[in-house]
Amino acid sequence: MKKISIIVPVYNVEKYLNKCLDSLVNQTLKDIEIIVVNDGTKDNSQKIIDEYVKKYPKLVKSYIKENGGLSDARNYGIKYATGEYISFVDSDDYVDADLFEKMYNVATLEKSEVVACPVKYIYKDKISHRDFNMLLFNKSIKDSPKILLEVKSYAPNKIYKRNFWLKHNFEFPSQYFEDSALIYNVLLAANKVSAINDGYYYYNRINEVSITKIADDRAYDIFKSCDSILSYYKKNKAYDKTKESIDAVIIGHIRYRIRTYVSAHESKKLKEFVKYSHKYLDENIFNWKNNFINKIKNNKLKKDKLYCIIFKNNVLLNVFIILQKIKHLINKR
């Protein structure tokens, strides 16, 4: 049995794939397998994959399937995993060379079913990140709900005990924002969640085809994710104990979607989305406007403060939309 199976879904990423795979084949933890799933890519990605299979035949495994989306490719890769732990790396991202060794060592030491690492966000002109508050970890989510706010919903910045994953029949759903629909539930089910602060996952935010940058009705899939979270936590009698953190997670995910509409100058769609969001939150989260994530002082960035204000207040939202239209007209001239 390998120590970790790393699943890499691939779709039209020839520009980034070499850097991703180089970071994996050069891991200091040698007893791993890299499962590359070609999800019906239309570019030259498979040629790149073939080169790595030829060069590292005992390390890299290649699978080709019809296009089914990110969730389908991840679920497909899990079927072929043999590792004690599994992990996911998106094919336009990369990781530190010793990342998986460090996470595996902590998993073994703490006997944890999930271990997370911080994410470094790669922009065109900067790299940003925030380390974890390590005092929160090596506990279950019921005992330390704020872990949810630290590690967030990303599937790739974690390793998961494979038997634990299979025991609970976890699968990524076929929707956008599939990570948020599943990973918070995985975290709750784990015996404990551990973390490291000295190894990083590098998340590529330069890739402009990302769903996080597209302002259309796909944003409404976030409500499917919220339904999944609320249902799972209530079903497992964990919602009352984790309510403040879970509510913050849900509000934060919904509110984050408005920035795509703002960036795209989609004023009408922005207004419709906020209206729908209020209806959803009013029906599902009692007293949601008073959750700590809606407190201005808890939002450190200027944009976060702004989105917090306009998300809660319809009058200020309308004022903001008018100002945005004026600004957009001036810039066009």
Protein backbone atom coordinates (compact mmCIF):
# COMPACT_ATOMS: atom_id res chain seq x y z
CA MET A 1 0.00 0.00 0.00
CA LYS A 2 1.25 3.47 -0.91
CA LYS A 3 1.26 6.16 1.75
CA ILE A 4 -0.62 8.75 -0.32
CA SER A 5 -2.51 8.65 -3.61
CA ILE A 6 -2.54 12.09 -5.24
CA ILE A 7 -5.39 12.56 -7.71
CA VAL A 8 -4.88 15.15 -10.47
CA PRO A 9 -7.84 15.89 -12.78
CA VAL A 10 -6.72 17.37 -16.11
CA TYR A 11 -8.72 19.45 -18.56
CA ASN A 12 -7.13 21.95 -20.98
CA VAL A 13 -4.23 22.95 -18.73
CA GLU A 14 -1.19 22.40 -20.94
CA LYS A 15 0.11 25.83 -19.92
CA TYR A 16 0.32 24.86 -16.24
CA LEU A 17 0.57 21.06 -16.17
CA ASN A 18 4.38 20.68 -16.21
CA LYS A 19 4.78 22.85 -13.13
CA CYS A 20 2.07 20.93 -11.33
CA LEU A 21 3.47 17.48 -12.12
CA ASP A 22 7.08 18.55 -11.42
CA SER A 23 6.03 19.55 -7.92
CA LEU A 24 4.51 16.09 -7.40
CA VAL A 25 7.14 13.77 -8.91
CA ASN A 26 9.79 15.55 -6.80
CA GLN A 27 8.06 15.04 -3.46
CA THR A 28 10.37 14.09 -0.59
CA LEU A 29 7.80 11.45 0.39
CA LYS A 30 8.68 8.73 -2.10
CA ASP A 31 6.06 6.07 -1.35
CA ILE A 32 3.26 7.81 -3.23
CA GLU A 33 1.30 7.40 -6.45
CA ILE A 34 0.16 10.17 -8.76
CA ILE A 35 -3.15 9.36 -10.45
CA VAL A 36 -3.64 11.67 -13.44
CA VAL A 37 -7.17 11.68 -14.85
CA ASN A 38 -7.55 13.12 -18.35
CA ASP A 39 -11.13 14.38 -18.26
CA GLY A 40 -11.55 14.58 -22.04
CA THR A 41 -9.02 17.36 -22.47
CA LYS A 42 -8.96 19.05 -25.90
CA ASP A 43 -5.41 20.43 -25.82
CA ASN A 44 -1.98 18.78 -25.65
CA SER A 45 -2.20 17.86 -21.96
CA GLN A 46 -2.18 14.10 -22.66
CA LYS A 47 1.15 14.39 -24.49
CA ILE A 48 2.60 15.98 -21.36
CA ILE A 49 1.08 13.27 -19.17
CA ASP A 50 2.55 10.56 -21.41
CA GLU A 51 6.02 12.07 -21.00
CA TYR A 52 5.75 11.84 -17.20
CA VAL A 53 4.41 8.28 -17.34
CA LYS A 54 7.38 7.31 -19.52
CA LYS A 55 9.89 9.04 -17.25
CA TYR A 56 8.28 7.96 -13.94
CA PRO A 57 6.48 4.67 -14.75
CA LYS A 58 6.31 3.52 -11.11
CA LEU A 59 5.08 6.87 -9.88
CA VAL A 60 2.66 8.36 -12.42
CA LYS A 61 -0.49 6.55 -13.57
CA SER A 62 -2.53 7.88 -16.47
CA TYR A 63 -6.27 7.38 -16.99
CA ILE A 64 -8.39 8.79 -19.82
CA LYS A 65 -12.15 9.29 -19.65
CA GLU A 66 -14.89 11.25 -21.36
CA ASN A 67 -15.42 14.75 -20.08
CA GLY A 68 -17.59 14.78 -16.97
CA GLY A 69 -16.28 17.74 -15.02
CA LEU A 70 -14.01 18.16 -12.01
CA SER A 71 -16.18 16.22 -9.57
CA ASP A 72 -16.50 13.25 -11.91
CA ALA A 73 -12.74 13.19 -12.55
CA ARG A 74 -11.94 13.23 -8.83
CA ASN A 75 -14.47 10.49 -8.06
CA TYR A 76 -13.04 8.46 -10.95
CA GLY A 77 -9.49 8.82 -9.62
CA ILE A 78 -10.48 7.66 -6.13
CA LYS A 79 -11.55 4.30 -7.58
CA TYR A 80 -7.95 3.61 -8.62
CA ALA A 81 -6.29 4.90 -5.45
CA THR A 82 -4.42 2.41 -3.28
CA GLY A 83 -2.86 4.79 -0.77
CA GLU A 84 -3.39 4.89 2.98
CA TYR A 85 -4.37 8.52 2.41
CA ILE A 86 -5.75 10.30 -0.63
CA SER A 87 -5.31 13.90 -1.73
CA PHE A 88 -6.27 16.14 -4.64
CA VAL A 89 -4.18 18.61 -6.61
CA ASP A 90 -5.78 20.74 -9.32
CA SER A 91 -3.69 20.61 -12.47
CA ASP A 92 -3.09 24.36 -12.71
CA ASP A 93 -1.76 24.48 -9.12
CA TYR A 94 1.41 23.17 -7.46
CA VAL A 95 2.78 22.31 -4.00
CA ASP A 96 5.94 22.49 -1.90
CA ALA A 97 8.34 19.58 -2.39
CA ASP A 98 8.02 18.35 1.19
CA LEU A 99 4.32 19.06 1.64
CA PHE A 100 3.01 15.51 1.60
CA GLU A 101 5.79 14.18 3.81
CA LYS A 102 4.97 16.77 6.45
CA MET A 103 1.23 16.16 6.29
CA TYR A 104 1.65 12.38 6.35
CA ASN A 105 3.95 12.58 9.38
CA VAL A 106 1.37 14.62 11.29
CA ALA A 107 -1.42 12.26 10.24
CA THR A 108 0.57 9.29 11.54
CA LEU A 109 1.58 11.02 14.77
CA GLU A 110 -1.89 12.32 15.60
CA LYS A 111 -3.81 9.40 14.04
CA SER A 112 -5.92 12.01 12.24
CA GLU A 113 -8.29 11.21 9.41
CA VAL A 114 -7.77 14.66 7.88
CA VAL A 115 -4.69 16.92 7.79
CA ALA A 116 -4.69 20.38 6.19
CA CYS A 117 -2.07 22.89 5.06
CA PRO A 118 -2.32 26.64 4.34
CA VAL A 119 -2.96 27.93 0.83
CA LYS A 120 -0.82 30.50 -0.97
CA TYR A 121 -2.79 32.39 -3.60
CA ILE A 122 -0.86 33.18 -6.78
CA TYR A 123 -1.90 36.38 -8.54
CA LYS A 124 -0.28 38.12 -11.50
CA ASP A 125 1.49 40.62 -9.25
CA LYS A 126 1.60 39.06 -5.79
CA ILE A 127 1.39 35.99 -3.57
CA SER A 128 -0.76 36.10 -0.45
CA HIS A 129 -1.48 33.67 2.37
CA ARG A 130 -2.51 33.33 6.00
CA ASP A 131 -1.17 30.67 8.33
CA PHE A 132 -3.44 28.65 10.60
CA ASN A 133 -4.14 29.18 14.28
CA MET A 134 -2.61 25.88 15.34
CA LEU A 135 -4.27 25.93 18.78
CA LEU A 136 -7.55 24.98 17.11
CA PHE A 137 -6.34 21.68 15.64
CA ASN A 138 -5.94 18.02 16.63
CA LYS A 139 -9.59 18.03 17.66
CA SER A 140 -12.92 17.10 16.13
CA ILE A 141 -15.13 19.72 14.50
CA LYS A 142 -17.69 19.38 17.30
CA ASP A 143 -14.97 20.18 19.83
CA SER A 144 -13.35 22.93 17.74
CA PRO A 145 -15.83 24.34 15.18
CA LYS A 146 -13.60 27.27 14.21
CA ILE A 147 -11.39 24.81 12.32
CA LEU A 148 -14.00 25.18 9.57
CA LEU A 149 -13.12 28.85 9.18
CA GLU A 150 -9.38 28.13 9.14
CA VAL A 151 -9.10 25.35 6.57
CA LYS A 152 -12.06 26.48 4.41
CA SER A 153 -13.74 24.29 1.80
CA TYR A 154 -10.81 23.54 -0.50
CA ALA A 155 -10.47 19.85 -1.31
CA PRO A 156 -6.83 20.00 -2.48
CA ASN A 157 -5.06 21.45 0.58
CA LYS A 158 -5.73 18.33 2.65
CA ILE A 159 -5.03 14.63 2.91
CA TYR A 160 -7.78 12.19 3.88
CA LYS A 161 -7.62 8.66 5.28
CA ARG A 162 -8.81 6.57 2.34
CA ASN A 163 -10.67 3.95 4.41
CA PHE A 164 -12.46 6.75 6.24
CA TRP A 165 -13.47 8.38 2.92
CA LEU A 166 -14.78 5.09 1.51
CA LYS A 167 -16.54 4.13 4.74
CA HIS A 168 -18.67 7.28 4.54
CA ASN A 169 -19.24 6.92 0.77
CA PHE A 170 -18.11 10.48 0.15
CA GLU A 171 -18.46 11.70 -3.44
CA PHE A 172 -18.04 15.10 -5.04
CA PRO A 173 -21.43 16.21 -6.40
CA SER A 174 -21.95 17.15 -10.03
CA GLN A 175 -22.32 20.92 -9.61
CA TYR A 176 -20.28 24.09 -9.33
CA PHE A 177 -18.73 24.82 -5.91
CA GLU A 178 -18.45 21.08 -5.38
CA ASP A 179 -15.81 21.50 -2.68
CA SER A 180 -18.05 23.53 -0.38
CA ALA A 181 -20.87 21.02 -0.88
CA LEU A 182 -18.73 18.16 0.40
CA ILE A 183 -15.60 19.10 2.34
CA TYR A 184 -17.26 20.67 5.41
CA ASN A 185 -19.18 17.41 5.78
CA VAL A 186 -15.98 15.38 5.45
CA LEU A 187 -14.39 17.51 8.17
CA LEU A 188 -17.30 16.88 10.53
CA ALA A 189 -17.11 13.12 10.01
CA ALA A 190 -13.36 12.96 10.75
CA ASN A 191 -12.20 11.72 14.15
CA LYS A 192 -10.00 14.82 14.31
CA VAL A 193 -8.54 17.42 11.98
CA SER A 194 -4.84 18.25 12.18
CA ALA A 195 -2.72 20.79 10.31
CA ILE A 196 0.76 22.02 9.44
CA ASN A 197 2.02 25.57 9.00
CA ASP A 198 5.33 24.85 7.27
CA GLY A 199 4.24 23.56 3.87
CA TYR A 200 1.98 25.15 1.28
CA TYR A 201 -0.48 24.46 -1.51
CA TYR A 202 -0.15 27.08 -4.29
CA TYR A 203 -3.53 28.04 -5.72
CA ASN A 204 -3.37 29.57 -9.19
CA ARG A 205 -5.65 32.61 -9.45
CA ILE A 206 -4.20 33.71 -12.78
CA ASN A 207 -6.21 31.13 -14.72
CA GLU A 208 -9.09 33.23 -16.02
CA VAL A 209 -11.46 30.36 -16.82
CA SER A 210 -12.00 29.81 -13.10
CA ILE A 211 -15.65 29.61 -11.98
CA THR A 212 -14.82 32.16 -9.27
CA LYS A 213 -14.39 34.77 -12.03
CA ILE A 214 -17.54 34.06 -14.06
CA ALA A 215 -20.66 36.13 -13.31
CA ASP A 216 -23.70 34.15 -14.43
CA ASP A 217 -26.41 31.88 -13.03
CA ARG A 218 -23.89 29.21 -12.09
CA ALA A 219 -23.34 31.26 -8.95
CA TYR A 220 -26.68 29.94 -7.70
CA ASP A 221 -25.15 26.48 -7.26
CA ILE A 222 -23.72 27.84 -4.00
CA PHE A 223 -27.18 27.37 -2.48
CA LYS A 224 -26.97 23.64 -3.29
CA SER A 225 -23.74 23.59 -1.31
CA CYS A 226 -25.37 25.38 1.60
CA ASP A 227 -28.27 22.91 1.57
CA SER A 228 -25.78 20.03 1.68
CA ILE A 229 -23.94 21.50 4.66
CA LEU A 230 -27.03 22.35 6.70
CA SER A 231 -28.63 18.98 5.98
CA TYR A 232 -25.52 17.00 6.94
CA TYR A 233 -24.84 18.89 10.17
CA LYS A 234 -28.46 18.67 11.29
CA LYS A 235 -28.71 14.99 10.35
CA ASN A 236 -25.61 14.26 12.43
CA LYS A 237 -26.87 16.38 15.35
CA ALA A 238 -23.93 18.76 15.08
CA TYR A 239 -25.60 21.98 13.95
CA ASP A 240 -26.48 23.36 17.39
CA LYS A 241 -22.94 22.83 18.65
CA THR A 242 -21.32 24.37 15.56
CA LYS A 243 -24.03 26.90 14.61
CA GLU A 244 -21.98 30.11 14.83
CA SER A 245 -19.17 28.74 12.66
CA ILE A 246 -21.42 26.91 10.18
CA ASP A 247 -23.62 29.97 9.77
CA ALA A 248 -20.50 32.07 9.13
CA VAL A 249 -19.30 29.55 6.54
CA ILE A 250 -22.62 29.67 4.69
CA ILE A 251 -23.00 33.45 4.80
CA GLY A 252 -19.39 33.89 3.72
CA HIS A 253 -19.73 31.58 0.72
CA ILE A 254 -22.92 33.26 -0.45
CA ARG A 255 -21.57 36.77 0.04
CA TYR A 256 -18.34 35.96 -1.80
CA ARG A 257 -20.31 35.33 -4.98
CA ILE A 258 -21.42 38.97 -5.22
CA ARG A 259 -17.90 40.15 -6.05
CA THR A 260 -18.05 38.42 -9.43
CA TYR A 261 -21.19 40.36 -10.33
CA VAL A 262 -19.57 43.58 -9.13
CA SER A 263 -16.39 42.96 -11.14
CA ALA A 264 -18.43 42.20 -14.27
CA HIS A 265 -20.64 45.29 -13.79
CA GLU A 266 -23.71 43.05 -13.79
CA SER A 267 -25.87 45.36 -11.65
CA LYS A 268 -29.20 43.72 -12.41
CA LYS A 269 -27.86 40.23 -11.72
CA LEU A 270 -26.18 41.50 -8.55
CA LYS A 271 -29.46 42.87 -7.23
CA GLU A 272 -31.33 39.66 -8.09
CA PHE A 273 -28.68 37.51 -6.44
CA VAL A 274 -28.67 39.54 -3.21
CA LYS A 275 -32.49 39.41 -3.09
CA TYR A 276 -32.45 35.63 -3.51
CA SER A 277 -29.66 35.34 -0.91
CA HIS A 278 -31.66 37.26 1.69
CA LYS A 279 -34.68 35.05 1.11
CA TYR A 280 -32.55 31.92 1.47
CA LEU A 281 -30.83 33.12 4.64
CA ASP A 282 -34.06 34.35 6.21
CA GLU A 283 -35.58 30.90 5.70
CA ASN A 284 -32.57 28.83 6.78
CA ILE A 285 -30.44 30.75 9.29
CA PHE A 286 -32.05 32.44 12.27
CA ASN A 287 -30.72 35.93 13.01
CA TRP A 288 -28.11 35.65 10.23
CA LYS A 289 -27.43 39.38 10.04
CA ASN A 290 -25.99 39.32 13.56
CA ASN A 291 -23.48 36.56 12.89
CA PHE A 292 -19.90 37.66 13.57
CA ILE A 293 -18.94 37.38 9.88
CA ASN A 294 -21.27 40.31 9.20
CA LYS A 295 -19.51 42.57 11.67
CA ILE A 296 -17.55 45.24 9.80
CA LYS A 297 -14.58 45.03 12.18
CA ASN A 298 -14.13 41.34 11.39
CA ASN A 299 -13.59 42.10 7.70
CA LYS A 300 -10.05 43.39 7.39
CA LEU A 301 -9.91 44.24 3.67
CA LYS A 302 -11.67 47.35 2.34
CA LYS A 303 -13.52 45.33 -0.29
CA ASP A 304 -14.71 42.83 2.33
CA LYS A 305 -16.06 45.69 4.46
CA LEU A 306 -17.85 47.09 1.41
CA TYR A 307 -19.40 43.78 0.41
CA CYS A 308 -20.46 43.21 4.00
CA ILE A 309 -22.28 46.56 4.05
CA ILE A 310 -24.05 46.28 0.70
CA PHE A 311 -24.97 42.63 1.26
CA LYS A 312 -26.90 43.39 4.44
CA ASN A 313 -28.54 46.69 3.45
CA ASN A 314 -30.74 46.97 0.35
CA VAL A 315 -30.75 50.78 0.40
CA LEU A 316 -26.96 50.93 0.41
CA LEU A 317 -26.88 48.22 -2.26
CA ASN A 318 -28.98 50.43 -4.55
CA VAL A 319 -26.73 53.42 -3.88
CA PHE A 320 -23.67 51.29 -4.63
CA ILE A 321 -25.18 50.08 -7.93
CA ILE A 322 -25.88 53.65 -9.04
CA LEU A 323 -22.33 54.72 -8.18
CA GLN A 324 -20.95 51.69 -10.03
CA LYS A 325 -22.91 52.60 -13.15
CA ILE A 326 -21.67 56.19 -13.03
CA LYS A 327 -18.08 55.03 -12.54
CA HIS A 328 -18.37 52.55 -15.39
CA LEU A 329 -19.73 55.22 -17.77
CA ILE A 330 -16.91 57.60 -16.84
CA ASN A 331 -14.28 54.92 -17.41
CA LYS A 332 -15.77 54.04 -20.83
CA ARG A 333 -15.37 57.65 -21.93
